[in-house]
Amino acid sequence: MRLMFVTLLLVTAPLRAEAPTGDVPALGHRSAQPVGVRRIDLSFPGRADMTRPDGHGAFARAERRLPLLVWYPAAGGDQHTTYDYPTSPVPSVPAGAVPTMVHVAGAAARDATPAAGRFPLLVISHGFLNRAAMFSDLAEILASKGYVVAVIDHGDLDDLKVSRAYAFVNVVAHRADDQRLVIAELSRRAATPDAFWSHVDAGRIALAGYSMGGFGALQTAGAAIDPASPLFAAAPTGAAGLLTTQPVPANLKALITFGPWGGGQPLRVFARDGLAKVTIPSLFIDGDQDDVADYAGGVRWLWSGIGGDRFLLTYQNARHNIATNATPPELQGRFEYRERQDEPVWRKDRILGINAHMITAFLDWQVKGQAGAKAWLTVPTPHAAEGVWPLVPGGDAGDSTAAPGQAPANYWPGFQRRWAIGLVMEHRE
């Protein structure tokens, strides 16, 4: 009976898909600060519904609902939870071949009391057909480091029930608009005495976007869509107003993009003069084999065209899947899902650790104002593999990591000996 009970626990207990490993860079570890998580439902009336043309060249107006998953530093609470969300449909996967819901184990306390203090806000905007919970691993780490992380659930999968084309049109028209609405609403709430939102420092906000979320984030940060672009020309009548440049939120201090869409041909949507309007500090992250957003002709083109202090972190031999959690356990047996969330060469937990390390340094520097944090991004050589960490014969570096400004001075700070490889960091001021 005892053996059966233990076996049942092993089978039913949620397992964390991306458990911390021993090769996480210095700032990629979760801190001891407890983390809370809660769902917040926002709604905005009178938004254009791109799935419902009104027959007169415009669109019906409807309430746009934008649920958020919000992670934050907590006063305590049981650090165990599960993130449940519907499985995204894939045309080549027969109905019933995979579970209709996935369950991802997390380490946060549901609806916990916020920790004392006020914390900067990071808003994350997901890619086409993604879910907010797909960013839980990164969000938990950053929340433990003193950030409130709000991930928008844009509702692409609901729009997909109409058609894929309509869902994509909604994404193009609404991504930046969604981001601006959420930033404005959370800023408003942070200025109230609300027991939860009063812990958010709305004067210090960063925005991160993945893929189509990155496309929207560039617009939110000031990039103007080229009126001569094929996308603008093909936009339905009445949609052009949603694609025009809007004022950059005054409290937006930093931009992070993962494989942003919109720079590659044949649907390049930005022009050089429009990109140059982005002047806030930015961190771009992508794989040099990105075949979705086009690394060479798209992502690098976007990064080189914007203004401001900007970094580009490149994973060599990685594709587009460099932002979200790994594939949920229920779907790992199907390649159709692995190819949408995992990487063929890189371990996903390794990517998560590196992302968390670099993003922590970038946000601590640009949002928290910790000038010394920049040193973690200031690598001595653009190609990590060219770093040098000498040892005396028979020496052993153990699990130590290189530190900024200290020996070994020619090795990427934060990384273990022999382990800084496959990465490129570029910087333009």
Protein backbone atom coordinates (compact mmCIF):
# COMPACT_ATOMS: atom_id res chain seq x y z
CA MET A 1 0.00 0.00 0.00
CA ARG A 2 2.85 2.39 0.87
CA LEU A 3 4.60 1.63 -2.42
CA MET A 4 1.38 2.34 -4.33
CA PHE A 5 0.98 5.66 -2.48
CA VAL A 6 4.55 6.75 -3.28
CA THR A 7 4.11 5.74 -6.93
CA LEU A 8 0.89 7.74 -7.15
CA LEU A 9 2.68 10.82 -5.79
CA LEU A 10 5.43 10.46 -8.37
CA VAL A 11 2.92 10.21 -11.19
CA THR A 12 0.54 12.97 -10.15
CA ALA A 13 2.82 15.59 -8.56
CA PRO A 14 3.51 18.43 -11.00
CA LEU A 15 7.12 18.45 -12.12
CA ARG A 16 8.84 21.72 -12.95
CA ALA A 17 9.75 21.56 -16.63
CA GLU A 18 12.70 23.94 -16.32
CA ALA A 19 14.35 23.18 -12.97
CA PRO A 20 17.45 25.28 -12.24
CA THR A 21 20.68 23.64 -13.36
CA GLY A 22 24.31 24.03 -12.36
CA ASP A 23 25.33 26.00 -15.44
CA VAL A 24 23.20 29.11 -14.95
CA PRO A 25 25.12 32.41 -15.36
CA ALA A 26 25.61 34.56 -12.27
CA LEU A 27 22.46 36.71 -12.56
CA GLY A 28 20.27 33.97 -14.03
CA HIS A 29 19.46 32.33 -10.71
CA ARG A 30 16.25 32.93 -8.84
CA SER A 31 16.74 34.84 -5.59
CA ALA A 32 15.38 33.88 -2.17
CA GLN A 33 12.59 36.48 -2.41
CA PRO A 34 9.17 34.73 -2.44
CA VAL A 35 7.04 35.30 -5.53
CA GLY A 36 3.31 35.81 -5.86
CA VAL A 37 1.14 35.46 -8.96
CA ARG A 38 -2.39 36.54 -9.74
CA ARG A 39 -4.66 36.93 -12.73
CA ILE A 40 -5.94 40.40 -13.54
CA ASP A 41 -8.76 40.87 -16.05
CA LEU A 42 -8.69 44.14 -17.96
CA SER A 43 -11.28 45.27 -20.50
CA PHE A 44 -11.35 48.22 -22.83
CA PRO A 45 -14.61 49.26 -24.51
CA GLY A 46 -15.04 50.55 -28.03
CA ARG A 47 -12.07 48.82 -29.65
CA ALA A 48 -12.14 47.89 -33.35
CA ASP A 49 -12.90 44.17 -33.79
CA MET A 50 -10.92 43.17 -36.87
CA THR A 51 -12.81 39.89 -37.14
CA ARG A 52 -16.11 41.73 -37.74
CA PRO A 53 -16.15 44.02 -40.80
CA ASP A 54 -19.21 46.26 -40.74
CA GLY A 55 -19.70 46.14 -44.52
CA HIS A 56 -18.89 49.82 -44.93
CA GLY A 57 -15.11 49.73 -44.93
CA ALA A 58 -14.73 49.78 -41.17
CA PHE A 59 -15.23 47.41 -38.25
CA ALA A 60 -17.65 46.79 -35.47
CA ARG A 61 -16.70 48.17 -32.08
CA ALA A 62 -16.53 45.83 -29.15
CA GLU A 63 -15.05 45.39 -25.70
CA ARG A 64 -11.49 44.11 -25.89
CA ARG A 65 -10.61 41.86 -23.00
CA LEU A 66 -6.98 41.49 -22.01
CA PRO A 67 -6.33 39.13 -19.12
CA LEU A 68 -2.93 39.48 -17.45
CA LEU A 69 -0.83 37.09 -15.43
CA VAL A 70 1.09 39.20 -12.93
CA TRP A 71 4.09 37.96 -10.95
CA TYR A 72 5.50 40.08 -8.12
CA PRO A 73 7.68 40.02 -4.99
CA ALA A 74 5.54 38.52 -2.23
CA ALA A 75 5.57 38.67 1.55
CA GLY A 76 5.50 34.87 1.64
CA GLY A 77 3.24 31.98 0.75
CA ASP A 78 3.49 28.44 -0.58
CA GLN A 79 5.75 28.55 -3.62
CA HIS A 80 3.88 25.90 -5.57
CA THR A 81 1.30 26.40 -8.27
CA THR A 82 0.24 25.14 -11.69
CA TYR A 83 -0.37 27.18 -14.81
CA ASP A 84 -3.15 25.70 -16.93
CA TYR A 85 -4.01 26.80 -20.45
CA PRO A 86 -5.62 25.29 -23.57
CA THR A 87 -3.46 23.44 -26.05
CA SER A 88 -2.93 25.42 -29.23
CA PRO A 89 -4.37 23.66 -32.29
CA VAL A 90 -1.89 22.48 -34.92
CA PRO A 91 -3.34 21.48 -38.33
CA SER A 92 -1.22 18.32 -38.68
CA VAL A 93 -2.15 16.99 -35.22
CA PRO A 94 -5.43 15.03 -35.27
CA ALA A 95 -8.14 15.99 -32.81
CA GLY A 96 -7.80 13.96 -29.63
CA ALA A 97 -4.14 13.12 -30.22
CA VAL A 98 -2.98 15.46 -27.45
CA PRO A 99 -4.65 16.73 -24.25
CA THR A 100 -6.91 19.74 -24.63
CA MET A 101 -5.23 21.42 -21.64
CA VAL A 102 -1.61 21.63 -20.55
CA HIS A 103 -0.40 21.98 -16.98
CA VAL A 104 2.93 23.64 -16.19
CA ALA A 105 4.31 23.49 -12.66
CA GLY A 106 5.34 26.81 -11.19
CA ALA A 107 6.96 28.22 -8.07
CA ALA A 108 4.80 31.10 -6.88
CA ALA A 109 2.04 31.70 -4.35
CA ARG A 110 -1.40 32.41 -5.81
CA ASP A 111 -2.79 35.81 -4.78
CA ALA A 112 -0.12 36.24 -2.10
CA THR A 113 0.27 39.48 -0.17
CA PRO A 114 2.80 41.74 -1.95
CA ALA A 115 6.14 42.36 -0.29
CA ALA A 116 6.74 45.78 1.24
CA GLY A 117 8.12 48.40 -1.12
CA ARG A 118 7.52 49.65 -4.65
CA PHE A 119 8.87 47.74 -7.61
CA PRO A 120 9.51 48.54 -11.28
CA LEU A 121 7.10 47.07 -13.83
CA LEU A 122 7.97 44.88 -16.82
CA VAL A 123 5.15 44.32 -19.33
CA ILE A 124 5.59 41.30 -21.63
CA SER A 125 3.72 40.83 -24.91
CA HIS A 126 3.71 37.31 -26.37
CA GLY A 127 3.98 36.07 -29.95
CA PHE A 128 1.26 34.98 -32.34
CA LEU A 129 -0.85 32.14 -30.87
CA ASN A 130 1.17 32.07 -27.63
CA ARG A 131 -0.17 32.26 -24.07
CA ALA A 132 0.90 34.45 -21.17
CA ALA A 133 1.74 31.40 -19.03
CA MET A 134 4.44 30.43 -21.54
CA PHE A 135 6.62 33.10 -19.87
CA SER A 136 6.19 31.82 -16.32
CA ASP A 137 9.79 30.66 -15.86
CA LEU A 138 11.32 34.01 -16.78
CA ALA A 139 8.62 35.96 -14.94
CA GLU A 140 9.17 34.06 -11.69
CA ILE A 141 12.92 34.69 -11.80
CA LEU A 142 12.52 38.42 -12.45
CA ALA A 143 9.82 38.78 -9.78
CA SER A 144 12.19 37.23 -7.26
CA LYS A 145 14.68 39.97 -8.17
CA GLY A 146 12.34 42.84 -7.36
CA TYR A 147 10.20 43.35 -10.47
CA VAL A 148 6.48 43.20 -11.09
CA VAL A 149 6.04 41.26 -14.34
CA ALA A 150 2.72 41.56 -16.17
CA VAL A 151 2.27 39.29 -19.18
CA ILE A 152 -0.61 40.12 -21.51
CA ASP A 153 -2.85 37.33 -22.85
CA HIS A 154 -3.79 38.84 -26.22
CA GLY A 155 -6.43 36.26 -27.12
CA ASP A 156 -5.03 35.13 -30.48
CA LEU A 157 -6.35 31.61 -29.99
CA ASP A 158 -9.87 32.92 -29.51
CA ASP A 159 -9.58 34.87 -32.77
CA LEU A 160 -8.31 31.72 -34.45
CA LYS A 161 -11.79 30.24 -34.08
CA VAL A 162 -12.90 32.69 -36.80
CA SER A 163 -9.95 31.99 -39.10
CA ARG A 164 -6.16 32.18 -39.07
CA ALA A 165 -6.22 35.15 -41.45
CA TYR A 166 -8.56 37.13 -39.22
CA ALA A 167 -6.49 36.24 -36.16
CA PHE A 168 -3.33 37.53 -37.85
CA VAL A 169 -5.04 40.77 -38.91
CA ASN A 170 -6.12 41.30 -35.31
CA VAL A 171 -2.54 40.78 -34.15
CA VAL A 172 -1.13 43.31 -36.60
CA ALA A 173 -3.77 45.88 -35.74
CA HIS A 174 -3.87 45.44 -31.96
CA ARG A 175 -0.46 44.38 -30.60
CA ALA A 176 0.91 47.86 -30.01
CA ASP A 177 -2.53 49.19 -29.07
CA ASP A 178 -2.90 46.43 -26.45
CA GLN A 179 0.50 47.26 -24.99
CA ARG A 180 -0.23 50.98 -24.74
CA LEU A 181 -3.64 50.35 -23.16
CA VAL A 182 -2.16 48.02 -20.54
CA ILE A 183 0.74 50.36 -19.72
CA ALA A 184 -1.66 53.28 -19.31
CA GLU A 185 -4.12 51.33 -17.16
CA LEU A 186 -1.47 49.83 -14.88
CA SER A 187 0.13 53.26 -14.52
CA ARG A 188 -3.25 54.65 -13.50
CA ARG A 189 -3.79 51.91 -10.94
CA ALA A 190 -0.29 52.36 -9.52
CA ALA A 191 -1.19 55.96 -8.67
CA THR A 192 -4.08 54.82 -6.44
CA PRO A 193 -3.91 53.58 -2.83
CA ASP A 194 -4.94 50.09 -3.96
CA ALA A 195 -3.39 47.45 -1.67
CA PHE A 196 -1.81 45.63 -4.60
CA TRP A 197 -1.06 48.23 -7.28
CA SER A 198 0.43 50.72 -4.84
CA HIS A 199 3.47 48.43 -4.80
CA VAL A 200 4.11 49.14 -8.49
CA ASP A 201 6.45 52.00 -9.34
CA ALA A 202 4.81 53.28 -12.53
CA GLY A 203 7.62 55.75 -13.07
CA ARG A 204 9.89 52.85 -14.01
CA ILE A 205 8.41 50.65 -16.73
CA ALA A 206 10.05 48.36 -19.29
CA LEU A 207 8.38 46.57 -22.21
CA ALA A 208 9.35 43.21 -23.68
CA GLY A 209 7.88 41.63 -26.80
CA TYR A 210 8.40 38.29 -28.50
CA SER A 211 7.94 37.89 -32.27
CA MET A 212 4.64 39.69 -33.05
CA GLY A 213 4.83 41.08 -29.53
CA GLY A 214 8.21 42.53 -30.54
CA PHE A 215 6.62 44.02 -33.65
CA GLY A 216 4.11 45.80 -31.42
CA ALA A 217 6.77 46.77 -28.88
CA LEU A 218 8.79 48.59 -31.51
CA GLN A 219 5.70 50.62 -32.40
CA THR A 220 4.97 51.32 -28.74
CA ALA A 221 8.56 52.54 -28.38
CA GLY A 222 8.07 54.96 -31.27
CA ALA A 223 8.80 53.09 -34.53
CA ALA A 224 6.56 54.25 -37.36
CA ILE A 225 5.16 51.79 -39.89
CA ASP A 226 6.12 52.64 -43.46
CA PRO A 227 2.99 53.74 -45.39
CA ALA A 228 4.58 52.24 -48.51
CA SER A 229 5.00 48.81 -46.95
CA PRO A 230 3.07 45.86 -48.41
CA LEU A 231 1.44 45.28 -45.02
CA PHE A 232 0.11 48.83 -44.78
CA ALA A 233 -1.17 48.66 -48.34
CA ALA A 234 -2.94 45.37 -47.65
CA ALA A 235 -4.52 46.52 -44.39
CA PRO A 236 -8.32 46.50 -44.49
CA THR A 237 -10.02 49.85 -44.82
CA GLY A 238 -10.39 51.33 -41.38
CA ALA A 239 -7.32 49.58 -39.96
CA ALA A 240 -4.79 52.22 -40.94
CA GLY A 241 -5.59 54.33 -37.91
CA LEU A 242 -4.46 51.56 -35.60
CA LEU A 243 -1.11 51.38 -37.40
CA THR A 244 -0.18 55.05 -37.10
CA THR A 245 2.47 56.19 -34.67
CA GLN A 246 1.28 57.08 -31.18
CA PRO A 247 3.15 58.98 -28.46
CA VAL A 248 5.67 56.86 -26.56
CA PRO A 249 4.58 56.34 -22.93
CA ALA A 250 6.55 58.85 -20.87
CA ASN A 251 7.34 56.26 -18.21
CA LEU A 252 8.74 53.67 -20.65
CA LYS A 253 12.42 53.37 -19.77
CA ALA A 254 13.65 50.29 -21.65
CA LEU A 255 12.76 47.90 -24.48
CA ILE A 256 13.45 44.17 -24.82
CA THR A 257 12.62 42.25 -27.99
CA PHE A 258 12.93 38.53 -28.69
CA GLY A 259 13.07 37.79 -32.43
CA PRO A 260 10.86 40.77 -33.35
CA TRP A 261 8.79 40.41 -36.51
CA GLY A 262 8.42 43.16 -39.09
CA GLY A 263 11.90 43.63 -40.56
CA GLY A 264 12.13 40.72 -42.99
CA GLN A 265 11.05 40.66 -46.60
CA PRO A 266 8.64 40.48 -48.34
CA LEU A 267 6.49 42.02 -45.57
CA ARG A 268 8.97 44.55 -44.16
CA VAL A 269 6.76 47.04 -42.36
CA PHE A 270 9.25 49.62 -41.13
CA ALA A 271 11.50 52.07 -42.94
CA ARG A 272 14.81 53.45 -41.67
CA ASP A 273 13.44 56.85 -40.78
CA GLY A 274 10.56 55.27 -38.87
CA LEU A 275 12.87 52.96 -36.91
CA ALA A 276 15.18 55.79 -35.94
CA LYS A 277 12.38 57.22 -33.80
CA VAL A 278 13.06 54.49 -31.22
CA THR A 279 15.53 56.11 -28.84
CA ILE A 280 15.05 54.33 -25.50
CA PRO A 281 17.71 51.77 -24.51
CA SER A 282 17.04 48.32 -25.94
CA LEU A 283 18.13 44.71 -25.72
CA PHE A 284 17.45 42.45 -28.72
CA ILE A 285 17.71 38.66 -28.36
CA ASP A 286 17.51 36.13 -31.21
CA GLY A 287 19.00 33.05 -32.83
CA ASP A 288 21.11 33.48 -35.95
CA GLN A 289 19.08 30.74 -37.66
CA ASP A 290 15.73 32.42 -37.01
CA ASP A 291 13.60 31.34 -39.97
CA VAL A 292 10.41 33.03 -38.73
CA ALA A 293 11.42 36.67 -38.21
CA ASP A 294 14.54 36.35 -40.45
CA TYR A 295 17.59 37.01 -38.32
CA ALA A 296 19.93 38.45 -40.97
CA GLY A 297 17.50 40.37 -43.13
CA GLY A 298 14.92 41.14 -40.47
CA VAL A 299 15.99 41.21 -36.81
CA ARG A 300 19.52 42.52 -37.39
CA TRP A 301 18.12 45.08 -39.81
CA LEU A 302 15.69 46.30 -37.16
CA TRP A 303 18.39 46.44 -34.48
CA SER A 304 20.81 48.37 -36.68
CA GLY A 305 18.12 50.86 -37.69
CA ILE A 306 16.80 52.00 -34.32
CA GLY A 307 18.39 54.73 -32.24
CA GLY A 308 19.45 54.75 -28.62
CA ASP A 309 21.85 52.61 -26.63
CA ARG A 310 21.22 49.08 -27.93
CA PHE A 311 22.50 45.54 -27.46
CA LEU A 312 22.00 42.45 -29.62
CA LEU A 313 22.48 39.03 -27.99
CA THR A 314 22.69 36.25 -30.57
CA TYR A 315 22.44 32.51 -29.94
CA GLN A 316 24.47 30.79 -32.63
CA ASN A 317 22.64 27.91 -34.32
CA ALA A 318 19.36 28.81 -32.63
CA ARG A 319 16.10 29.48 -34.41
CA HIS A 320 13.13 31.59 -33.29
CA ASN A 321 12.19 29.80 -30.05
CA ILE A 322 14.45 31.75 -27.69
CA ALA A 323 11.88 33.35 -25.39
CA THR A 324 9.25 31.07 -23.87
CA ASN A 325 9.25 28.11 -21.50
CA ALA A 326 10.05 24.67 -22.85
CA THR A 327 7.29 22.55 -24.39
CA PRO A 328 4.86 21.41 -21.65
CA PRO A 329 5.29 17.77 -20.55
CA GLU A 330 1.98 16.67 -22.13
CA LEU A 331 3.16 17.79 -25.58
CA GLN A 332 6.82 16.84 -25.59
CA GLY A 333 6.11 13.62 -27.46
CA ARG A 334 4.89 15.52 -30.53
CA PHE A 335 7.42 17.19 -32.79
CA GLU A 336 4.73 19.56 -34.07
CA TYR A 337 4.76 21.22 -30.65
CA ARG A 338 8.47 20.88 -29.96
CA GLU A 339 9.30 22.81 -33.13
CA ARG A 340 7.14 25.70 -31.92
CA GLN A 341 8.64 26.03 -28.45
CA ASP A 342 11.98 24.23 -28.17
CA GLU A 343 15.30 24.55 -29.98
CA PRO A 344 17.08 21.86 -32.04
CA VAL A 345 20.58 22.66 -30.71
CA TRP A 346 20.21 24.56 -27.44
CA ARG A 347 18.77 23.25 -24.17
CA LYS A 348 15.82 25.40 -23.23
CA ASP A 349 16.83 25.67 -19.56
CA ARG A 350 20.23 26.97 -20.70
CA ILE A 351 18.56 29.65 -22.83
CA LEU A 352 16.31 30.60 -19.92
CA GLY A 353 19.30 31.04 -17.60
CA ILE A 354 21.22 33.18 -20.08
CA ASN A 355 18.17 35.30 -20.89
CA ALA A 356 17.48 35.86 -17.19
CA HIS A 357 21.11 36.83 -16.62
CA MET A 358 21.24 39.36 -19.46
CA ILE A 359 17.76 40.79 -18.83
CA THR A 360 18.45 41.20 -15.12
CA ALA A 361 21.63 43.16 -15.88
CA PHE A 362 19.86 45.29 -18.49
CA LEU A 363 16.85 46.10 -16.30
CA ASP A 364 18.91 46.71 -13.18
CA TRP A 365 20.97 49.19 -15.18
CA GLN A 366 18.27 50.95 -17.19
CA VAL A 367 15.21 50.67 -14.94
CA LYS A 368 16.57 50.47 -11.40
CA GLY A 369 19.39 52.89 -12.20
CA GLN A 370 22.19 50.63 -10.95
CA ALA A 371 25.07 51.92 -13.08
CA GLY A 372 27.33 49.01 -12.12
CA ALA A 373 24.95 46.49 -13.70
CA LYS A 374 26.07 47.59 -17.16
CA ALA A 375 29.38 45.82 -16.54
CA TRP A 376 27.65 42.44 -16.89
CA LEU A 377 26.68 43.39 -20.45
CA THR A 378 30.02 44.92 -21.36
CA VAL A 379 31.71 41.77 -22.64
CA PRO A 380 35.45 41.86 -23.47
CA THR A 381 34.99 40.15 -26.84
CA PRO A 382 31.85 40.05 -29.03
CA HIS A 383 32.16 36.29 -29.62
CA ALA A 384 31.97 34.48 -26.30
CA ALA A 385 34.10 31.59 -27.59
CA GLU A 386 37.05 33.97 -28.00
CA GLY A 387 37.15 34.68 -24.26
CA VAL A 388 40.24 33.55 -22.36
CA TRP A 389 40.27 32.15 -18.82
CA PRO A 390 43.79 30.82 -18.14
CA LEU A 391 44.55 28.31 -15.40
CA VAL A 392 47.84 27.07 -14.02
CA PRO A 393 48.61 23.44 -14.97
CA GLY A 394 46.34 21.17 -12.98
CA GLY A 395 44.22 24.11 -11.84
CA ASP A 396 40.46 23.88 -11.38
CA ALA A 397 38.04 26.82 -11.66
CA GLY A 398 35.23 24.86 -10.00
CA ASP A 399 31.80 26.41 -10.43
CA SER A 400 33.03 29.99 -10.09
CA THR A 401 31.94 32.61 -12.60
CA ALA A 402 33.88 35.49 -14.08
CA ALA A 403 33.14 38.82 -12.41
CA PRO A 404 33.09 42.25 -14.06
CA GLY A 405 36.39 44.07 -13.81
CA GLN A 406 38.19 41.17 -12.19
CA ALA A 407 40.37 38.32 -13.43
CA PRO A 408 39.86 36.68 -15.81
CA ALA A 409 39.39 40.02 -17.52
CA ASN A 410 39.08 38.52 -21.00
CA TYR A 411 36.11 36.28 -20.28
CA TRP A 412 32.38 37.05 -20.42
CA PRO A 413 31.36 38.15 -16.90
CA GLY A 414 28.88 35.89 -15.17
CA PHE A 415 29.81 32.72 -17.07
CA GLN A 416 31.69 29.62 -15.93
CA ARG A 417 34.99 28.60 -17.50
CA ARG A 418 34.60 26.77 -20.84
CA TRP A 419 30.84 27.49 -20.80
CA ALA A 420 30.71 30.90 -22.51
CA ILE A 421 30.31 29.62 -26.04
CA GLY A 422 27.83 29.89 -28.88
CA LEU A 423 26.94 33.49 -28.03
CA VAL A 424 27.59 36.85 -29.64
CA MET A 425 26.98 40.25 -28.02
CA GLU A 426 27.00 43.47 -30.05
CA HIS A 427 26.57 46.98 -28.69
CA ARG A 428 25.92 50.33 -30.33
CA GLU A 429 25.51 53.59 -28.44
